[in-house]
Structure formats: structure tokens, C-alpha cells
Amino acid sequence: MLSRETYEITEKFREEIDDANKYLFPGELKSNYYELPILSPPESETKEKESNSEEMPDY
């Protein structure tokens, strides 16, 4: 299982690559020169979000 810190760093890295791709390859949604595995948040973070969403009503 990934730690929360590892998950956040990997997601930030993925966002930076996507931003660079928009600049380097305008008009293309994604380029295939890199492949990062799809990550799911650590279980503790998922449970925290679920419990928080139950407490906070949507407006």
C-alpha cells in the first residue's frame, strides 16, 4: 500500500507531466511517451473522505 506522501508526490508529478504535454504537444490530449500506473488513494485517505463527505452537506 502506498503512503499518503508517496501518493501525493506521484499525483503532483503526473500533473506536471500533463502540463508539460499541453505545452509541448498542443492539440493532443495525451502523448504515449510515458506510462504511469493509475493509483488509488491510500485506504486511510479514502475512508477519511467518505466519513467527511457524510458530515458535510453539499450546497
C-alpha atoms as a PDB file:
ATOM      1  CA  MET A   1       0.000   0.000   0.000  1.00  0.00           C
ATOM      2  CA  LEU A   2       1.255   3.474  -0.852  1.00  0.00           C
ATOM      3  CA  SER A   3       1.782   6.050   1.814  1.00  0.00           C
ATOM      4  CA  ARG A   4      -0.178   9.270   1.540  1.00  0.00           C
ATOM      5  CA  GLU A   5       3.030  11.233   0.876  1.00  0.00           C
ATOM      6  CA  THR A   6       4.037   8.906  -1.983  1.00  0.00           C
ATOM      7  CA  TYR A   7       0.559   9.162  -3.499  1.00  0.00           C
ATOM      8  CA  GLU A   8       0.581  12.984  -3.343  1.00  0.00           C
ATOM      9  CA  ILE A   9       4.071  13.232  -4.872  1.00  0.00           C
ATOM     10  CA  THR A  10       3.131  10.856  -7.697  1.00  0.00           C
ATOM     11  CA  GLU A  11      -0.082  12.753  -8.451  1.00  0.00           C
ATOM     12  CA  LYS A  12       1.817  16.071  -8.491  1.00  0.00           C
ATOM     13  CA  PHE A  13       4.382  14.530 -10.876  1.00  0.00           C
ATOM     14  CA  ARG A  14       1.576  13.294 -13.134  1.00  0.00           C
ATOM     15  CA  GLU A  15       0.008  16.796 -13.196  1.00  0.00           C
ATOM     16  CA  GLU A  16       3.355  18.377 -14.093  1.00  0.00           C
ATOM     17  CA  ILE A  17       3.834  15.921 -16.961  1.00  0.00           C
ATOM     18  CA  ASP A  18       0.324  16.646 -18.242  1.00  0.00           C
ATOM     19  CA  ASP A  19       1.020  20.401 -18.090  1.00  0.00           C
ATOM     20  CA  ALA A  20       4.281  19.916 -19.999  1.00  0.00           C
ATOM     21  CA  ASN A  21       2.497  17.801 -22.609  1.00  0.00           C
ATOM     22  CA  LYS A  22      -0.051  20.576 -23.201  1.00  0.00           C
ATOM     23  CA  TYR A  23       2.833  22.941 -23.935  1.00  0.00           C
ATOM     24  CA  LEU A  24       4.957  20.512 -25.968  1.00  0.00           C
ATOM     25  CA  PHE A  25       2.125  18.812 -27.851  1.00  0.00           C
ATOM     26  CA  PRO A  26      -0.684  21.347 -28.344  1.00  0.00           C
ATOM     27  CA  GLY A  27      -3.826  19.781 -29.741  1.00  0.00           C
ATOM     28  CA  GLU A  28      -3.082  16.357 -28.297  1.00  0.00           C
ATOM     29  CA  LEU A  29      -4.847  15.322 -25.128  1.00  0.00           C
ATOM     30  CA  LYS A  30      -2.112  12.934 -24.027  1.00  0.00           C
ATOM     31  CA  SER A  31       1.040  11.589 -25.539  1.00  0.00           C
ATOM     32  CA  ASN A  32       2.019   7.982 -25.066  1.00  0.00           C
ATOM     33  CA  TYR A  33       5.705   8.508 -24.356  1.00  0.00           C
ATOM     34  CA  TYR A  34       5.175   7.913 -20.658  1.00  0.00           C
ATOM     35  CA  GLU A  35       3.115   5.384 -18.781  1.00  0.00           C
ATOM     36  CA  LEU A  36       2.379   5.857 -15.099  1.00  0.00           C
ATOM     37  CA  PRO A  37       0.231   3.353 -13.294  1.00  0.00           C
ATOM     38  CA  ILE A  38      -3.198   4.552 -12.218  1.00  0.00           C
ATOM     39  CA  LEU A  39      -3.032   4.935  -8.468  1.00  0.00           C
ATOM     40  CA  SER A  40      -5.825   4.791  -5.998  1.00  0.00           C
ATOM     41  CA  PRO A  41      -5.580   6.845  -2.831  1.00  0.00           C
ATOM     42  CA  PRO A  42      -4.372   5.059   0.279  1.00  0.00           C
ATOM     43  CA  GLU A  43      -7.221   3.314   2.092  1.00  0.00           C
ATOM     44  CA  SER A  44      -6.967   5.613   5.098  1.00  0.00           C
ATOM     45  CA  GLU A  45      -7.408   8.682   2.860  1.00  0.00           C
ATOM     46  CA  THR A  46     -10.403   7.127   1.096  1.00  0.00           C
ATOM     47  CA  LYS A  47     -12.070   6.341   4.412  1.00  0.00           C
ATOM     48  CA  GLU A  48     -11.370   9.879   5.650  1.00  0.00           C
ATOM     49  CA  LYS A  49     -13.015  11.395   2.575  1.00  0.00           C
ATOM     50  CA  GLU A  50     -16.041   9.122   2.909  1.00  0.00           C
ATOM     51  CA  SER A  51     -16.509   9.990   6.567  1.00  0.00           C
ATOM     52  CA  ASN A  52     -16.000  13.693   5.835  1.00  0.00           C
ATOM     53  CA  SER A  53     -18.491  13.659   2.975  1.00  0.00           C
ATOM     54  CA  GLU A  54     -21.159  12.218   5.263  1.00  0.00           C
ATOM     55  CA  GLU A  55     -20.642  15.009   7.795  1.00  0.00           C
ATOM     56  CA  MET A  56     -20.565  17.905   5.322  1.00  0.00           C
ATOM     57  CA  PRO A  57     -23.760  18.559   3.324  1.00  0.00           C
ATOM     58  CA  ASP A  58     -23.388  19.668  -0.297  1.00  0.00           C
ATOM     59  CA  TYR A  59     -24.644  23.151  -1.078  1.00  0.00           C
END
